[in-house]
Amino acid sequence: MSAFAAAVGALFGDPNVGRDAVYIADGGAPVLVRVVARRADAVSDFGNARLWSETTRVDLLVTEVANPRPGDRLEIDGDAFLIQGEPVRDRERLVWTVDLRPA
């Protein structure tokens, strides 16, 4: 394991950074995972206007979720979400970033 992978694992394991969640692949069994929230909202440009919108974006460890897909479900603190759009992996291929919408 590289030093970077160890640091990422420590961040996810830190109770101040990572949170427990349940990942359920479409048609699969529930799996306990750790997530790290990325950003609570987004600002987008649309012509001359700037639009603000709430987003839910989290990181998942590749070692815990090998292939997240749109439509897969995440339950965080009793709230249910569906993955929307294509998940994106980081440069080191250790972390997935997924956009969520309420289920």
C-alpha atoms as a PDB file:
ATOM      1  CA  MET A   1       0.000   0.000   0.000  1.00  0.00           C
ATOM      2  CA  SER A   2       1.355   3.400  -0.942  1.00  0.00           C
ATOM      3  CA  ALA A   3       1.644   6.244   1.545  1.00  0.00           C
ATOM      4  CA  PHE A   4      -1.050   8.101  -0.374  1.00  0.00           C
ATOM      5  CA  ALA A   5      -3.439   5.130  -0.166  1.00  0.00           C
ATOM      6  CA  ALA A   6      -2.771   4.893   3.574  1.00  0.00           C
ATOM      7  CA  ALA A   7      -3.539   8.608   3.992  1.00  0.00           C
ATOM      8  CA  VAL A   8      -6.792   8.308   2.036  1.00  0.00           C
ATOM      9  CA  GLY A   9      -7.780   5.313   4.158  1.00  0.00           C
ATOM     10  CA  ALA A  10      -7.050   7.281   7.335  1.00  0.00           C
ATOM     11  CA  LEU A  11      -9.243  10.171   6.132  1.00  0.00           C
ATOM     12  CA  PHE A  12     -12.176   7.878   5.428  1.00  0.00           C
ATOM     13  CA  GLY A  13     -11.701   6.189   8.799  1.00  0.00           C
ATOM     14  CA  ASP A  14     -11.565   9.474  10.738  1.00  0.00           C
ATOM     15  CA  PRO A  15     -14.924   9.987  12.515  1.00  0.00           C
ATOM     16  CA  ASN A  16     -14.658  13.757  11.891  1.00  0.00           C
ATOM     17  CA  VAL A  17     -14.313  13.302   8.117  1.00  0.00           C
ATOM     18  CA  GLY A  18     -15.856   9.999   7.049  1.00  0.00           C
ATOM     19  CA  ARG A  19     -19.381   8.758   7.708  1.00  0.00           C
ATOM     20  CA  ASP A  20     -20.986   5.332   7.656  1.00  0.00           C
ATOM     21  CA  ALA A  21     -23.357   4.614   4.801  1.00  0.00           C
ATOM     22  CA  VAL A  22     -25.071   1.656   3.183  1.00  0.00           C
ATOM     23  CA  TYR A  23     -24.414   1.047  -0.518  1.00  0.00           C
ATOM     24  CA  ILE A  24     -26.900  -1.041  -2.472  1.00  0.00           C
ATOM     25  CA  ALA A  25     -26.060  -1.873  -6.074  1.00  0.00           C
ATOM     26  CA  ASP A  26     -29.102  -2.121  -8.355  1.00  0.00           C
ATOM     27  CA  GLY A  27     -30.395  -5.613  -7.573  1.00  0.00           C
ATOM     28  CA  GLY A  28     -27.601  -6.288  -5.073  1.00  0.00           C
ATOM     29  CA  ALA A  29     -27.193  -6.812  -1.353  1.00  0.00           C
ATOM     30  CA  PRO A  30     -26.545  -3.914   1.091  1.00  0.00           C
ATOM     31  CA  VAL A  31     -22.897  -3.234   1.942  1.00  0.00           C
ATOM     32  CA  LEU A  32     -21.617  -1.034   4.787  1.00  0.00           C
ATOM     33  CA  VAL A  33     -19.194   1.597   3.406  1.00  0.00           C
ATOM     34  CA  ARG A  34     -17.576   4.870   4.452  1.00  0.00           C
ATOM     35  CA  VAL A  35     -18.256   8.110   2.559  1.00  0.00           C
ATOM     36  CA  VAL A  36     -16.725  11.578   2.618  1.00  0.00           C
ATOM     37  CA  ALA A  37     -18.915  14.528   1.646  1.00  0.00           C
ATOM     38  CA  ARG A  38     -17.345  16.641  -1.094  1.00  0.00           C
ATOM     39  CA  ARG A  39     -19.384  19.787  -1.601  1.00  0.00           C
ATOM     40  CA  ALA A  40     -22.794  20.955  -0.462  1.00  0.00           C
ATOM     41  CA  ASP A  41     -23.696  23.257  -3.347  1.00  0.00           C
ATOM     42  CA  ALA A  42     -22.638  24.372  -6.798  1.00  0.00           C
ATOM     43  CA  VAL A  43     -22.605  27.645  -8.698  1.00  0.00           C
ATOM     44  CA  SER A  44     -23.132  27.371 -12.455  1.00  0.00           C
ATOM     45  CA  ASP A  45     -22.955  30.021 -15.148  1.00  0.00           C
ATOM     46  CA  PHE A  46     -25.915  30.288 -17.501  1.00  0.00           C
ATOM     47  CA  GLY A  47     -25.486  33.143 -19.938  1.00  0.00           C
ATOM     48  CA  ASN A  48     -24.970  36.262 -17.820  1.00  0.00           C
ATOM     49  CA  ALA A  49     -26.568  34.680 -14.746  1.00  0.00           C
ATOM     50  CA  ARG A  50     -24.957  32.616 -12.013  1.00  0.00           C
ATOM     51  CA  LEU A  51     -27.217  29.901 -10.649  1.00  0.00           C
ATOM     52  CA  TRP A  52     -26.844  28.346  -7.203  1.00  0.00           C
ATOM     53  CA  SER A  53     -28.048  24.804  -6.601  1.00  0.00           C
ATOM     54  CA  GLU A  54     -27.742  22.338  -3.766  1.00  0.00           C
ATOM     55  CA  THR A  55     -25.876  19.187  -4.659  1.00  0.00           C
ATOM     56  CA  THR A  56     -24.980  16.068  -2.791  1.00  0.00           C
ATOM     57  CA  ARG A  57     -21.624  14.734  -3.849  1.00  0.00           C
ATOM     58  CA  VAL A  58     -19.675  12.110  -1.932  1.00  0.00           C
ATOM     59  CA  ASP A  59     -16.485  10.103  -2.265  1.00  0.00           C
ATOM     60  CA  LEU A  60     -16.419   6.304  -1.996  1.00  0.00           C
ATOM     61  CA  LEU A  61     -13.381   4.076  -1.646  1.00  0.00           C
ATOM     62  CA  VAL A  62     -12.722   1.941  -4.736  1.00  0.00           C
ATOM     63  CA  THR A  63     -11.777  -0.924  -2.392  1.00  0.00           C
ATOM     64  CA  GLU A  64     -15.315  -0.849  -0.931  1.00  0.00           C
ATOM     65  CA  VAL A  65     -17.310  -0.111  -4.104  1.00  0.00           C
ATOM     66  CA  ALA A  66     -15.643  -1.491  -7.208  1.00  0.00           C
ATOM     67  CA  ASN A  67     -18.082  -0.258  -9.852  1.00  0.00           C
ATOM     68  CA  PRO A  68     -20.784   2.214  -8.792  1.00  0.00           C
ATOM     69  CA  ARG A  69     -23.418   2.823 -11.439  1.00  0.00           C
ATOM     70  CA  PRO A  70     -26.224   5.334 -11.971  1.00  0.00           C
ATOM     71  CA  GLY A  71     -29.316   4.086 -10.163  1.00  0.00           C
ATOM     72  CA  ASP A  72     -27.366   2.432  -7.336  1.00  0.00           C
ATOM     73  CA  ARG A  73     -28.562   3.496  -3.878  1.00  0.00           C
ATOM     74  CA  LEU A  74     -26.760   5.053  -0.903  1.00  0.00           C
ATOM     75  CA  GLU A  75     -28.323   5.470   2.522  1.00  0.00           C
ATOM     76  CA  ILE A  76     -26.635   8.061   4.744  1.00  0.00           C
ATOM     77  CA  ASP A  77     -27.970   8.868   8.217  1.00  0.00           C
ATOM     78  CA  GLY A  78     -31.397   7.496   7.319  1.00  0.00           C
ATOM     79  CA  ASP A  79     -31.653   9.484   4.068  1.00  0.00           C
ATOM     80  CA  ALA A  80     -31.812   7.567   0.781  1.00  0.00           C
ATOM     81  CA  PHE A  81     -30.063   8.742  -2.392  1.00  0.00           C
ATOM     82  CA  LEU A  82     -29.603   7.429  -5.927  1.00  0.00           C
ATOM     83  CA  ILE A  83     -26.388   7.839  -7.893  1.00  0.00           C
ATOM     84  CA  GLN A  84     -26.953  10.066 -10.916  1.00  0.00           C
ATOM     85  CA  GLY A  85     -24.547  10.557 -13.779  1.00  0.00           C
ATOM     86  CA  GLU A  86     -21.318   8.663 -14.285  1.00  0.00           C
ATOM     87  CA  PRO A  87     -19.072   8.193 -11.248  1.00  0.00           C
ATOM     88  CA  VAL A  88     -15.535   9.571 -11.657  1.00  0.00           C
ATOM     89  CA  ARG A  89     -12.347   8.078 -10.189  1.00  0.00           C
ATOM     90  CA  ASP A  90      -9.448  10.149  -8.927  1.00  0.00           C
ATOM     91  CA  ARG A  91      -6.041  10.133 -10.587  1.00  0.00           C
ATOM     92  CA  GLU A  92      -4.664   7.488  -8.227  1.00  0.00           C
ATOM     93  CA  ARG A  93      -7.707   5.229  -8.820  1.00  0.00           C
ATOM     94  CA  LEU A  94      -8.453   5.067  -5.085  1.00  0.00           C
ATOM     95  CA  VAL A  95     -11.659   7.110  -4.773  1.00  0.00           C
ATOM     96  CA  TRP A  96     -14.935   7.398  -6.679  1.00  0.00           C
ATOM     97  CA  THR A  97     -16.771  10.724  -6.678  1.00  0.00           C
ATOM     98  CA  VAL A  98     -20.513  10.331  -7.218  1.00  0.00           C
ATOM     99  CA  ASP A  99     -23.370  12.815  -7.583  1.00  0.00           C
ATOM    100  CA  LEU A 100     -26.490  11.881  -5.651  1.00  0.00           C
ATOM    101  CA  ARG A 101     -30.148  12.811  -5.798  1.00  0.00           C
ATOM    102  CA  PRO A 102     -32.831  12.030  -3.232  1.00  0.00           C
ATOM    103  CA  ALA A 103     -34.466   8.621  -3.796  1.00  0.00           C
END
